[in-house]
Each structure stands twice: as C-alpha cells, then as structure tokens.
C-alpha cells in the first residue's frame, strides 16, 4: 500500500520499469529471431506464443521475486485466459510484427 502513497517519484519509477520490461521483451525476441528465422517467417504464431512466454515469466518469476511477501495464486480460469490473451495480443504479437517489418529482406515473408 505504501507504493500508492509514493507520489510522483513512485509513478515515475513504475513507468521506467514498465518500459524497461517492454523494451527488454522486445530485445529478447529480436535477438532470438536473428538466430531462428522461423520466428520472423511465422511472426503471428511466434508472437502469440511469445506473449504466453512473457506472461508466464512475469507471473511466475518476476512477480514472486518482486512481491516476496505476497502469495501469488492463479486467477479463476476466465480471468487467467483473459489476462494471457491480453499479453499475447498487446505484447507478443506487436513485438513479432515490428521485428518482421524491420527485418532484412532475406527473413521477410513477402511485402511489408
């Protein structure tokens, strides 16, 4: 609860880490796509699967480490499915599509 009373400094720190995590997720996908061209060739599927991986990493590694005093439990199935779908569509898919768009033509699947 103290994080809600931290004011502008806490909000700025939260924003910084939010973007750091997003840029890191994009950088990891980009780096792996340089080795595995199939990620670029099948960008929609790989992006959606990457979204599941990002969701899993954030919820089963990052959150338990950052909120060590809070027990992390699985949400009800409908909320869990919604939350995973949001990360798949709003994180994984955009990352993979941007990487595909800006990849070398040898990796491209067709016109950008």
PDB file of N, CA and C in Angstrom:
ATOM      1  N   UNK A   1       0.829  -1.211   0.000  1.00  0.00           N
ATOM      2  CA  UNK A   1       0.000   0.000   0.000  1.00  0.00           C
ATOM      3  C   UNK A   1       0.861   1.258   0.000  1.00  0.00           C
ATOM      4  N   UNK A   2       2.071   1.165   0.525  1.00  0.00           N
ATOM      5  CA  UNK A   2       2.907   2.360   0.567  1.00  0.00           C
ATOM      6  C   UNK A   2       3.284   2.838  -0.838  1.00  0.00           C
ATOM      7  N   UNK A   3       3.274   1.936  -1.819  1.00  0.00           N
ATOM      8  CA  UNK A   3       3.607   2.357  -3.184  1.00  0.00           C
ATOM      9  C   UNK A   3       2.566   3.314  -3.749  1.00  0.00           C
ATOM     10  N   UNK A   4       1.335   3.220  -3.254  1.00  0.00           N
ATOM     11  CA  UNK A   4       0.282   4.119  -3.717  1.00  0.00           C
ATOM     12  C   UNK A   4       0.395   5.510  -3.094  1.00  0.00           C
ATOM     13  N   UNK A   5       1.206   5.632  -2.072  1.00  0.00           N
ATOM     14  CA  UNK A   5       1.370   6.914  -1.404  1.00  0.00           C
ATOM     15  C   UNK A   5       2.714   7.565  -1.725  1.00  0.00           C
ATOM     16  N   UNK A   6       3.457   6.989  -2.689  1.00  0.00           N
ATOM     17  CA  UNK A   6       4.784   7.490  -3.019  1.00  0.00           C
ATOM     18  C   UNK A   6       4.795   8.708  -3.915  1.00  0.00           C
ATOM     19  N   UNK A   7       3.644   9.056  -4.466  1.00  0.00           N
ATOM     20  CA  UNK A   7       3.565  10.262  -5.285  1.00  0.00           C
ATOM     21  C   UNK A   7       4.217  10.117  -6.649  1.00  0.00           C
ATOM     22  N   UNK A   8       4.668  11.244  -7.154  1.00  0.00           N
ATOM     23  CA  UNK A   8       5.229  11.319  -8.497  1.00  0.00           C
ATOM     24  C   UNK A   8       6.489  10.466  -8.641  1.00  0.00           C
ATOM     25  N   UNK A   9       7.302  10.403  -7.635  1.00  0.00           N
ATOM     26  CA  UNK A   9       8.534   9.605  -7.708  1.00  0.00           C
ATOM     27  C   UNK A   9       8.215   8.129  -7.916  1.00  0.00           C
ATOM     28  N   UNK A  10       7.245   7.623  -7.194  1.00  0.00           N
ATOM     29  CA  UNK A  10       6.851   6.229  -7.342  1.00  0.00           C
ATOM     30  C   UNK A  10       6.230   5.984  -8.709  1.00  0.00           C
ATOM     31  N   UNK A  11       5.427   6.910  -9.190  1.00  0.00           N
ATOM     32  CA  UNK A  11       4.823   6.781 -10.515  1.00  0.00           C
ATOM     33  C   UNK A  11       5.897   6.788 -11.603  1.00  0.00           C
ATOM     34  N   UNK A  12       6.886   7.649 -11.472  1.00  0.00           N
ATOM     35  CA  UNK A  12       7.968   7.711 -12.452  1.00  0.00           C
ATOM     36  C   UNK A  12       8.783   6.422 -12.445  1.00  0.00           C
ATOM     37  N   UNK A  13       9.060   5.908 -11.268  1.00  0.00           N
ATOM     38  CA  UNK A  13       9.803   4.658 -11.157  1.00  0.00           C
ATOM     39  C   UNK A  13       9.013   3.510 -11.773  1.00  0.00           C
ATOM     40  N   UNK A  14       7.721   3.463 -11.524  1.00  0.00           N
ATOM     41  CA  UNK A  14       6.863   2.442 -12.112  1.00  0.00           C
ATOM     42  C   UNK A  14       6.837   2.528 -13.627  1.00  0.00           C
ATOM     43  N   UNK A  15       6.752   3.745 -14.144  1.00  0.00           N
ATOM     44  CA  UNK A  15       6.760   3.948 -15.595  1.00  0.00           C
ATOM     45  C   UNK A  15       8.087   3.510 -16.189  1.00  0.00           C
ATOM     46  N   UNK A  16       9.180   3.877 -15.547  1.00  0.00           N
ATOM     47  CA  UNK A  16      10.507   3.477 -16.019  1.00  0.00           C
ATOM     48  C   UNK A  16      10.616   1.957 -16.109  1.00  0.00           C
ATOM     49  N   UNK A  17      10.225   1.253 -15.047  1.00  0.00           N
ATOM     50  CA  UNK A  17      10.347  -0.203 -15.054  1.00  0.00           C
ATOM     51  C   UNK A  17       9.382  -0.850 -16.041  1.00  0.00           C
ATOM     52  N   UNK A  18       8.218  -0.265 -16.215  1.00  0.00           N
ATOM     53  CA  UNK A  18       7.273  -0.795 -17.198  1.00  0.00           C
ATOM     54  C   UNK A  18       7.897  -0.768 -18.599  1.00  0.00           C
ATOM     55  N   UNK A  19       8.480   0.365 -18.976  1.00  0.00           N
ATOM     56  CA  UNK A  19       9.103   0.473 -20.288  1.00  0.00           C
ATOM     57  C   UNK A  19      10.384  -0.350 -20.382  1.00  0.00           C
ATOM     58  N   UNK A  20      11.133  -0.452 -19.305  1.00  0.00           N
ATOM     59  CA  UNK A  20      12.326  -1.292 -19.292  1.00  0.00           C
ATOM     60  C   UNK A  20      11.956  -2.744 -19.582  1.00  0.00           C
ATOM     61  N   UNK A  21      10.911  -3.220 -18.944  1.00  0.00           N
ATOM     62  CA  UNK A  21      10.453  -4.595 -19.168  1.00  0.00           C
ATOM     63  C   UNK A  21       9.986  -4.774 -20.608  1.00  0.00           C
ATOM     64  N   UNK A  22       9.225  -3.823 -21.129  1.00  0.00           N
ATOM     65  CA  UNK A  22       8.724  -3.926 -22.503  1.00  0.00           C
ATOM     66  C   UNK A  22       9.868  -3.912 -23.510  1.00  0.00           C
ATOM     67  N   UNK A  23      10.837  -3.005 -23.345  1.00  0.00           N
ATOM     68  CA  UNK A  23      11.979  -2.955 -24.251  1.00  0.00           C
ATOM     69  C   UNK A  23      12.829  -4.216 -24.139  1.00  0.00           C
ATOM     70  N   UNK A  24      12.976  -4.744 -22.941  1.00  0.00           N
ATOM     71  CA  UNK A  24      13.729  -5.979 -22.753  1.00  0.00           C
ATOM     72  C   UNK A  24      13.041  -7.139 -23.455  1.00  0.00           C
ATOM     73  N   UNK A  25      11.723  -7.227 -23.330  1.00  0.00           N
ATOM     74  CA  UNK A  25      10.972  -8.285 -24.009  1.00  0.00           C
ATOM     75  C   UNK A  25      11.161  -8.181 -25.520  1.00  0.00           C
ATOM     76  N   UNK A  26      11.105  -6.977 -26.053  1.00  0.00           N
ATOM     77  CA  UNK A  26      11.299  -6.777 -27.489  1.00  0.00           C
ATOM     78  C   UNK A  26      12.726  -7.125 -27.901  1.00  0.00           C
ATOM     79  N   UNK A  27      13.695  -6.733 -27.110  1.00  0.00           N
ATOM     80  CA  UNK A  27      15.098  -7.010 -27.430  1.00  0.00           C
ATOM     81  C   UNK A  27      15.383  -8.508 -27.413  1.00  0.00           C
ATOM     82  N   UNK A  28      14.800  -9.214 -26.463  1.00  0.00           N
ATOM     83  CA  UNK A  28      14.997 -10.667 -26.391  1.00  0.00           C
ATOM     84  C   UNK A  28      14.407 -11.336 -27.636  1.00  0.00           C
ATOM     85  N   UNK A  29      13.197 -10.945 -28.015  1.00  0.00           N
ATOM     86  CA  UNK A  29      12.580 -11.533 -29.209  1.00  0.00           C
ATOM     87  C   UNK A  29      13.428 -11.225 -30.438  1.00  0.00           C
ATOM     88  N   UNK A  30      13.872  -9.989 -30.571  1.00  0.00           N
ATOM     89  CA  UNK A  30      14.690  -9.602 -31.716  1.00  0.00           C
ATOM     90  C   UNK A  30      15.978 -10.426 -31.763  1.00  0.00           C
ATOM     91  N   UNK A  31      16.661 -10.548 -30.644  1.00  0.00           N
ATOM     92  CA  UNK A  31      17.924 -11.292 -30.609  1.00  0.00           C
ATOM     93  C   UNK A  31      17.717 -12.751 -30.989  1.00  0.00           C
ATOM     94  N   UNK A  32      16.684 -13.360 -30.468  1.00  0.00           N
ATOM     95  CA  UNK A  32      16.416 -14.764 -30.793  1.00  0.00           C
ATOM     96  C   UNK A  32      16.011 -14.897 -32.254  1.00  0.00           C
ATOM     97  N   UNK A  33      15.280 -13.923 -32.791  1.00  0.00           N
ATOM     98  CA  UNK A  33      14.846 -14.003 -34.187  1.00  0.00           C
ATOM     99  C   UNK A  33      16.013 -13.900 -35.160  1.00  0.00           C
ATOM    100  N   UNK A  34      17.156 -13.359 -34.736  1.00  0.00           N
ATOM    101  CA  UNK A  34      18.333 -13.320 -35.600  1.00  0.00           C
ATOM    102  C   UNK A  34      18.914 -14.714 -35.766  1.00  0.00           C
ATOM    103  N   UNK A  35      18.727 -15.566 -34.764  1.00  0.00           N
ATOM    104  CA  UNK A  35      19.224 -16.943 -34.823  1.00  0.00           C
ATOM    105  C   UNK A  35      18.189 -17.886 -35.427  1.00  0.00           C
ATOM    106  N   UNK A  36      16.925 -17.664 -35.115  1.00  0.00           N
ATOM    107  CA  UNK A  36      15.845 -18.537 -35.588  1.00  0.00           C
ATOM    108  C   UNK A  36      14.941 -17.760 -36.525  1.00  0.00           C
ATOM    109  N   UNK A  37      15.219 -17.829 -37.810  1.00  0.00           N
ATOM    110  CA  UNK A  37      14.468 -17.081 -38.811  1.00  0.00           C
ATOM    111  C   UNK A  37      12.990 -17.480 -38.846  1.00  0.00           C
ATOM    112  N   UNK A  38      12.683 -18.653 -38.354  1.00  0.00           N
ATOM    113  CA  UNK A  38      11.293 -19.111 -38.356  1.00  0.00           C
ATOM    114  C   UNK A  38      10.392 -18.193 -37.527  1.00  0.00           C
ATOM    115  N   UNK A  39      10.964 -17.519 -36.540  1.00  0.00           N
ATOM    116  CA  UNK A  39      10.185 -16.581 -35.737  1.00  0.00           C
ATOM    117  C   UNK A  39       9.687 -15.416 -36.572  1.00  0.00           C
ATOM    118  N   UNK A  40      10.485 -15.002 -37.554  1.00  0.00           N
ATOM    119  CA  UNK A  40      10.096 -13.910 -38.440  1.00  0.00           C
ATOM    120  C   UNK A  40       9.149 -14.428 -39.519  1.00  0.00           C
ATOM    121  N   UNK A  41       9.460 -15.610 -40.020  1.00  0.00           N
ATOM    122  CA  UNK A  41       8.635 -16.198 -41.089  1.00  0.00           C
ATOM    123  C   UNK A  41       7.212 -16.451 -40.617  1.00  0.00           C
ATOM    124  N   UNK A  42       7.067 -16.913 -39.402  1.00  0.00           N
ATOM    125  CA  UNK A  42       5.745 -17.195 -38.817  1.00  0.00           C
ATOM    126  C   UNK A  42       5.502 -16.221 -37.662  1.00  0.00           C
ATOM    127  N   UNK A  43       5.511 -14.945 -37.986  1.00  0.00           N
ATOM    128  CA  UNK A  43       5.506 -13.917 -36.954  1.00  0.00           C
ATOM    129  C   UNK A  43       4.235 -13.881 -36.114  1.00  0.00           C
ATOM    130  N   UNK A  44       3.088 -14.166 -36.696  1.00  0.00           N
ATOM    131  CA  UNK A  44       1.844 -14.119 -35.910  1.00  0.00           C
ATOM    132  C   UNK A  44       1.853 -15.217 -34.855  1.00  0.00           C
ATOM    133  N   UNK A  45       2.105 -16.440 -35.281  1.00  0.00           N
ATOM    134  CA  UNK A  45       2.125 -17.551 -34.326  1.00  0.00           C
ATOM    135  C   UNK A  45       3.231 -17.374 -33.289  1.00  0.00           C
ATOM    136  N   UNK A  46       4.428 -17.006 -33.754  1.00  0.00           N
ATOM    137  CA  UNK A  46       5.535 -16.847 -32.799  1.00  0.00           C
ATOM    138  C   UNK A  46       5.277 -15.698 -31.837  1.00  0.00           C
ATOM    139  N   UNK A  47       4.634 -14.631 -32.309  1.00  0.00           N
ATOM    140  CA  UNK A  47       4.312 -13.516 -31.423  1.00  0.00           C
ATOM    141  C   UNK A  47       3.303 -13.897 -30.364  1.00  0.00           C
ATOM    142  N   UNK A  48       2.283 -14.653 -30.768  1.00  0.00           N
ATOM    143  CA  UNK A  48       1.277 -15.077 -29.790  1.00  0.00           C
ATOM    144  C   UNK A  48       1.881 -16.029 -28.762  1.00  0.00           C
ATOM    145  N   UNK A  49       2.718 -16.942 -29.218  1.00  0.00           N
ATOM    146  CA  UNK A  49       3.380 -17.844 -28.275  1.00  0.00           C
ATOM    147  C   UNK A  49       4.357 -17.095 -27.376  1.00  0.00           C
ATOM    148  N   UNK A  50       5.021 -16.093 -27.938  1.00  0.00           N
ATOM    149  CA  UNK A  50       5.932 -15.275 -27.129  1.00  0.00           C
ATOM    150  C   UNK A  50       5.152 -14.520 -26.057  1.00  0.00           C
ATOM    151  N   UNK A  51       3.953 -14.081 -26.385  1.00  0.00           N
ATOM    152  CA  UNK A  51       3.104 -13.434 -25.396  1.00  0.00           C
ATOM    153  C   UNK A  51       2.817 -14.341 -24.210  1.00  0.00           C
ATOM    154  N   UNK A  52       2.568 -15.629 -24.490  1.00  0.00           N
ATOM    155  CA  UNK A  52       2.356 -16.594 -23.408  1.00  0.00           C
ATOM    156  C   UNK A  52       3.625 -16.727 -22.567  1.00  0.00           C
ATOM    157  N   UNK A  53       4.776 -16.747 -23.243  1.00  0.00           N
ATOM    158  CA  UNK A  53       6.038 -16.861 -22.511  1.00  0.00           C
ATOM    159  C   UNK A  53       6.297 -15.627 -21.650  1.00  0.00           C
ATOM    160  N   UNK A  54       6.015 -14.444 -22.182  1.00  0.00           N
ATOM    161  CA  UNK A  54       6.202 -13.208 -21.405  1.00  0.00           C
ATOM    162  C   UNK A  54       5.272 -13.218 -20.198  1.00  0.00           C
ATOM    163  N   UNK A  55       4.013 -13.578 -20.414  1.00  0.00           N
ATOM    164  CA  UNK A  55       3.053 -13.637 -19.307  1.00  0.00           C
ATOM    165  C   UNK A  55       3.552 -14.599 -18.224  1.00  0.00           C
ATOM    166  N   UNK A  56       3.980 -15.784 -18.649  1.00  0.00           N
ATOM    167  CA  UNK A  56       4.436 -16.791 -17.687  1.00  0.00           C
ATOM    168  C   UNK A  56       5.656 -16.309 -16.920  1.00  0.00           C
ATOM    169  N   UNK A  57       6.623 -15.719 -17.629  1.00  0.00           N
ATOM    170  CA  UNK A  57       7.825 -15.226 -16.968  1.00  0.00           C
ATOM    171  C   UNK A  57       7.489 -14.128 -15.963  1.00  0.00           C
ATOM    172  N   UNK A  58       6.639 -13.205 -16.360  1.00  0.00           N
ATOM    173  CA  UNK A  58       6.286 -12.103 -15.461  1.00  0.00           C
ATOM    174  C   UNK A  58       5.540 -12.612 -14.225  1.00  0.00           C
ATOM    175  N   UNK A  59       4.633 -13.571 -14.415  1.00  0.00           N
ATOM    176  CA  UNK A  59       3.799 -14.012 -13.300  1.00  0.00           C
ATOM    177  C   UNK A  59       4.423 -15.078 -12.417  1.00  0.00           C
ATOM    178  N   UNK A  60       5.356 -15.857 -12.981  1.00  0.00           N
ATOM    179  CA  UNK A  60       5.922 -16.936 -12.183  1.00  0.00           C
ATOM    180  C   UNK A  60       7.375 -16.709 -11.786  1.00  0.00           C
ATOM    181  N   UNK A  61       8.006 -15.645 -12.329  1.00  0.00           N
ATOM    182  CA  UNK A  61       9.383 -15.325 -11.947  1.00  0.00           C
ATOM    183  C   UNK A  61       9.458 -13.913 -11.369  1.00  0.00           C
ATOM    184  N   UNK A  62       9.077 -12.917 -12.170  1.00  0.00           N
ATOM    185  CA  UNK A  62       9.246 -11.523 -11.751  1.00  0.00           C
ATOM    186  C   UNK A  62       8.361 -11.174 -10.558  1.00  0.00           C
ATOM    187  N   UNK A  63       7.069 -11.444 -10.647  1.00  0.00           N
ATOM    188  CA  UNK A  63       6.179 -11.084  -9.533  1.00  0.00           C
ATOM    189  C   UNK A  63       6.540 -11.775  -8.225  1.00  0.00           C
ATOM    190  N   UNK A  64       6.798 -13.083  -8.220  1.00  0.00           N
ATOM    191  CA  UNK A  64       7.198 -13.696  -6.947  1.00  0.00           C
ATOM    192  C   UNK A  64       8.485 -13.104  -6.371  1.00  0.00           C
ATOM    193  N   UNK A  65       9.427 -12.707  -7.245  1.00  0.00           N
ATOM    194  CA  UNK A  65      10.667 -12.131  -6.740  1.00  0.00           C
ATOM    195  C   UNK A  65      10.476 -10.701  -6.245  1.00  0.00           C
ATOM    196  N   UNK A  66       9.577  -9.958  -6.887  1.00  0.00           N
ATOM    197  CA  UNK A  66       9.411  -8.560  -6.504  1.00  0.00           C
ATOM    198  C   UNK A  66       8.408  -8.379  -5.371  1.00  0.00           C
ATOM    199  N   UNK A  67       7.502  -9.292  -5.221  1.00  0.00           N
ATOM    200  CA  UNK A  67       6.489  -9.191  -4.162  1.00  0.00           C
ATOM    201  C   UNK A  67       6.630 -10.398  -3.238  1.00  0.00           C
ATOM    202  N   UNK A  68       7.798 -10.561  -2.692  1.00  0.00           N
ATOM    203  CA  UNK A  68       8.119 -11.770  -1.940  1.00  0.00           C
ATOM    204  C   UNK A  68       7.207 -12.010  -0.743  1.00  0.00           C
ATOM    205  N   UNK A  69       6.598 -10.986  -0.235  1.00  0.00           N
ATOM    206  CA  UNK A  69       5.742 -11.132   0.941  1.00  0.00           C
ATOM    207  C   UNK A  69       4.287 -11.416   0.560  1.00  0.00           C
ATOM    208  N   UNK A  70       3.996 -11.460  -0.738  1.00  0.00           N
ATOM    209  CA  UNK A  70       2.634 -11.692  -1.207  1.00  0.00           C
ATOM    210  C   UNK A  70       2.572 -13.058  -1.867  1.00  0.00           C
ATOM    211  N   UNK A  71       1.561 -13.842  -1.545  1.00  0.00           N
ATOM    212  CA  UNK A  71       1.384 -15.134  -2.172  1.00  0.00           C
ATOM    213  C   UNK A  71       0.733 -14.936  -3.535  1.00  0.00           C
ATOM    214  N   UNK A  72       1.377 -15.444  -4.580  1.00  0.00           N
ATOM    215  CA  UNK A  72       0.848 -15.347  -5.938  1.00  0.00           C
ATOM    216  C   UNK A  72       0.014 -16.590  -6.199  1.00  0.00           C
ATOM    217  N   UNK A  73      -1.241 -16.397  -6.503  1.00  0.00           N
ATOM    218  CA  UNK A  73      -2.128 -17.525  -6.800  1.00  0.00           C
ATOM    219  C   UNK A  73      -2.694 -17.360  -8.202  1.00  0.00           C
ATOM    220  N   UNK A  74      -3.083 -18.476  -8.792  1.00  0.00           N
ATOM    221  CA  UNK A  74      -3.706 -18.424 -10.105  1.00  0.00           C
ATOM    222  C   UNK A  74      -5.095 -17.823  -9.989  1.00  0.00           C
ATOM    223  N   UNK A  75      -5.436 -17.032 -10.965  1.00  0.00           N
ATOM    224  CA  UNK A  75      -6.766 -16.425 -11.004  1.00  0.00           C
ATOM    225  C   UNK A  75      -7.773 -17.452 -11.492  1.00  0.00           C
ATOM    226  N   UNK A  76      -9.066 -17.159 -11.339  1.00  0.00           N
ATOM    227  CA  UNK A  76     -10.070 -18.041 -11.932  1.00  0.00           C
ATOM    228  C   UNK A  76      -9.812 -18.173 -13.438  1.00  0.00           C
ATOM    229  N   UNK A  77     -10.197 -19.291 -14.009  1.00  0.00           N
ATOM    230  CA  UNK A  77      -9.869 -19.625 -15.392  1.00  0.00           C
ATOM    231  C   UNK A  77     -10.234 -18.531 -16.384  1.00  0.00           C
ATOM    232  N   UNK A  78     -11.398 -17.949 -16.274  1.00  0.00           N
ATOM    233  CA  UNK A  78     -11.823 -16.919 -17.233  1.00  0.00           C
ATOM    234  C   UNK A  78     -10.905 -15.694 -17.157  1.00  0.00           C
ATOM    235  N   UNK A  79     -10.559 -15.251 -15.963  1.00  0.00           N
ATOM    236  CA  UNK A  79      -9.654 -14.102 -15.815  1.00  0.00           C
ATOM    237  C   UNK A  79      -8.248 -14.440 -16.277  1.00  0.00           C
ATOM    238  N   UNK A  80      -7.800 -15.656 -15.991  1.00  0.00           N
ATOM    239  CA  UNK A  80      -6.483 -16.090 -16.421  1.00  0.00           C
ATOM    240  C   UNK A  80      -6.400 -16.101 -17.946  1.00  0.00           C
ATOM    241  N   UNK A  81      -7.410 -16.665 -18.598  1.00  0.00           N
ATOM    242  CA  UNK A  81      -7.445 -16.709 -20.062  1.00  0.00           C
ATOM    243  C   UNK A  81      -7.475 -15.298 -20.637  1.00  0.00           C
ATOM    244  N   UNK A  82      -8.237 -14.417 -20.040  1.00  0.00           N
ATOM    245  CA  UNK A  82      -8.302 -13.025 -20.499  1.00  0.00           C
ATOM    246  C   UNK A  82      -6.948 -12.339 -20.358  1.00  0.00           C
ATOM    247  N   UNK A  83      -6.313 -12.525 -19.209  1.00  0.00           N
ATOM    248  CA  UNK A  83      -5.026 -11.881 -18.960  1.00  0.00           C
ATOM    249  C   UNK A  83      -3.953 -12.385 -19.916  1.00  0.00           C
ATOM    250  N   UNK A  84      -3.928 -13.688 -20.163  1.00  0.00           N
ATOM    251  CA  UNK A  84      -2.958 -14.248 -21.104  1.00  0.00           C
ATOM    252  C   UNK A  84      -3.237 -13.729 -22.506  1.00  0.00           C
ATOM    253  N   UNK A  85      -4.503 -13.701 -22.912  1.00  0.00           N
ATOM    254  CA  UNK A  85      -4.864 -13.214 -24.247  1.00  0.00           C
ATOM    255  C   UNK A  85      -4.448 -11.752 -24.428  1.00  0.00           C
ATOM    256  N   UNK A  86      -4.605 -10.949 -23.399  1.00  0.00           N
ATOM    257  CA  UNK A  86      -4.205  -9.540 -23.492  1.00  0.00           C
ATOM    258  C   UNK A  86      -2.711  -9.427 -23.751  1.00  0.00           C
ATOM    259  N   UNK A  87      -1.894 -10.176 -23.027  1.00  0.00           N
ATOM    260  CA  UNK A  87      -0.445 -10.106 -23.221  1.00  0.00           C
ATOM    261  C   UNK A  87      -0.066 -10.673 -24.593  1.00  0.00           C
ATOM    262  N   UNK A  88      -0.742 -11.729 -25.019  1.00  0.00           N
ATOM    263  CA  UNK A  88      -0.469 -12.293 -26.343  1.00  0.00           C
ATOM    264  C   UNK A  88      -0.711 -11.258 -27.437  1.00  0.00           C
ATOM    265  N   UNK A  89      -1.848 -10.579 -27.358  1.00  0.00           N
ATOM    266  CA  UNK A  89      -2.255  -9.657 -28.420  1.00  0.00           C
ATOM    267  C   UNK A  89      -1.594  -8.290 -28.283  1.00  0.00           C
ATOM    268  N   UNK A  90      -1.400  -7.819 -27.072  1.00  0.00           N
ATOM    269  CA  UNK A  90      -0.889  -6.460 -26.869  1.00  0.00           C
ATOM    270  C   UNK A  90       0.630  -6.392 -26.667  1.00  0.00           C
ATOM    271  N   UNK A  91       1.283  -7.525 -26.439  1.00  0.00           N
ATOM    272  CA  UNK A  91       2.730  -7.525 -26.234  1.00  0.00           C
ATOM    273  C   UNK A  91       3.421  -8.417 -27.272  1.00  0.00           C
ATOM    274  N   UNK A  92       3.133  -9.710 -27.234  1.00  0.00           N
ATOM    275  CA  UNK A  92       3.824 -10.653 -28.113  1.00  0.00           C
ATOM    276  C   UNK A  92       3.614 -10.385 -29.588  1.00  0.00           C
ATOM    277  N   UNK A  93       2.365 -10.211 -29.998  1.00  0.00           N
ATOM    278  CA  UNK A  93       2.070 -10.005 -31.413  1.00  0.00           C
ATOM    279  C   UNK A  93       2.672  -8.711 -31.961  1.00  0.00           C
ATOM    280  N   UNK A  94       2.513  -7.565 -31.295  1.00  0.00           N
ATOM    281  CA  UNK A  94       3.159  -6.350 -31.829  1.00  0.00           C
ATOM    282  C   UNK A  94       4.676  -6.464 -31.920  1.00  0.00           C
ATOM    283  N   UNK A  95       5.303  -7.088 -30.939  1.00  0.00           N
ATOM    284  CA  UNK A  95       6.756  -7.253 -30.986  1.00  0.00           C
ATOM    285  C   UNK A  95       7.146  -8.057 -32.220  1.00  0.00           C
ATOM    286  N   UNK A  96       6.480  -9.182 -32.449  1.00  0.00           N
ATOM    287  CA  UNK A  96       6.860 -10.029 -33.581  1.00  0.00           C
ATOM    288  C   UNK A  96       6.575  -9.356 -34.913  1.00  0.00           C
ATOM    289  N   UNK A  97       5.496  -8.600 -35.007  1.00  0.00           N
ATOM    290  CA  UNK A  97       5.169  -7.935 -36.270  1.00  0.00           C
ATOM    291  C   UNK A  97       6.139  -6.791 -36.571  1.00  0.00           C
ATOM    292  N   UNK A  98       6.565  -6.069 -35.552  1.00  0.00           N
ATOM    293  CA  UNK A  98       7.548  -4.998 -35.766  1.00  0.00           C
ATOM    294  C   UNK A  98       8.891  -5.593 -36.162  1.00  0.00           C
ATOM    295  N   UNK A  99       9.296  -6.684 -35.501  1.00  0.00           N
ATOM    296  CA  UNK A  99      10.552  -7.334 -35.875  1.00  0.00           C
ATOM    297  C   UNK A  99      10.475  -7.821 -37.315  1.00  0.00           C
ATOM    298  N   UNK A 100       9.344  -8.393 -37.711  1.00  0.00           N
ATOM    299  CA  UNK A 100       9.199  -8.846 -39.096  1.00  0.00           C
ATOM    300  C   UNK A 100       9.299  -7.673 -40.068  1.00  0.00           C
ATOM    301  N   UNK A 101       8.642  -6.584 -39.750  1.00  0.00           N
ATOM    302  CA  UNK A 101       8.637  -5.424 -40.641  1.00  0.00           C
ATOM    303  C   UNK A 101      10.042  -4.873 -40.857  1.00  0.00           C
ATOM    304  N   UNK A 102      10.830  -4.829 -39.821  1.00  0.00           N
ATOM    305  CA  UNK A 102      12.153  -4.218 -39.917  1.00  0.00           C
ATOM    306  C   UNK A 102      13.285  -5.227 -40.080  1.00  0.00           C
ATOM    307  N   UNK A 103      12.953  -6.482 -40.328  1.00  0.00           N
ATOM    308  CA  UNK A 103      13.990  -7.485 -40.556  1.00  0.00           C
ATOM    309  C   UNK A 103      14.517  -7.374 -41.971  1.00  0.00           C
ATOM    310  N   UNK A 104      15.673  -7.942 -42.173  1.00  0.00           N
ATOM    311  CA  UNK A 104      16.264  -7.952 -43.502  1.00  0.00           C
ATOM    312  C   UNK A 104      15.338  -8.678 -44.466  1.00  0.00           C
ATOM    313  N   UNK A 105      15.420  -8.346 -45.748  1.00  0.00           N
ATOM    314  CA  UNK A 105      14.541  -8.951 -46.740  1.00  0.00           C
ATOM    315  C   UNK A 105      14.737 -10.457 -46.841  1.00  0.00           C
ATOM    316  N   UNK A 106      15.895 -10.966 -46.451  1.00  0.00           N
ATOM    317  CA  UNK A 106      16.112 -12.425 -46.509  1.00  0.00           C
ATOM    318  C   UNK A 106      15.238 -13.153 -45.511  1.00  0.00           C
ATOM    319  N   UNK A 107      14.791 -12.468 -44.461  1.00  0.00           N
ATOM    320  CA  UNK A 107      13.905 -13.088 -43.478  1.00  0.00           C
ATOM    321  C   UNK A 107      12.454 -12.812 -43.782  1.00  0.00           C
ATOM    322  N   UNK A 108      12.183 -11.818 -44.602  1.00  0.00           N
ATOM    323  CA  UNK A 108      10.806 -11.381 -44.840  1.00  0.00           C
ATOM    324  C   UNK A 108      10.014 -12.448 -45.571  1.00  0.00           C
ATOM    325  N   UNK A 109       8.717 -12.495 -45.289  1.00  0.00           N
ATOM    326  CA  UNK A 109       7.832 -13.475 -45.915  1.00  0.00           C
ATOM    327  C   UNK A 109       7.118 -12.887 -47.110  1.00  0.00           C
ATOM    328  N   UNK A 110       7.313 -11.660 -47.374  1.00  0.00           N
ATOM    329  CA  UNK A 110       6.640 -11.019 -48.500  1.00  0.00           C
ATOM    330  C   UNK A 110       6.722  -9.516 -48.340  1.00  0.00           C
ATOM    331  N   UNK A 111       5.896  -8.792 -49.101  1.00  0.00           N
ATOM    332  CA  UNK A 111       5.915  -7.328 -48.986  1.00  0.00           C
ATOM    333  C   UNK A 111       5.556  -6.867 -47.590  1.00  0.00           C
ATOM    334  N   UNK A 112       6.216  -5.842 -47.130  1.00  0.00           N
ATOM    335  CA  UNK A 112       5.970  -5.317 -45.774  1.00  0.00           C
ATOM    336  C   UNK A 112       4.713  -4.494 -45.724  1.00  0.00           C
TER     337      UNK A 112
END
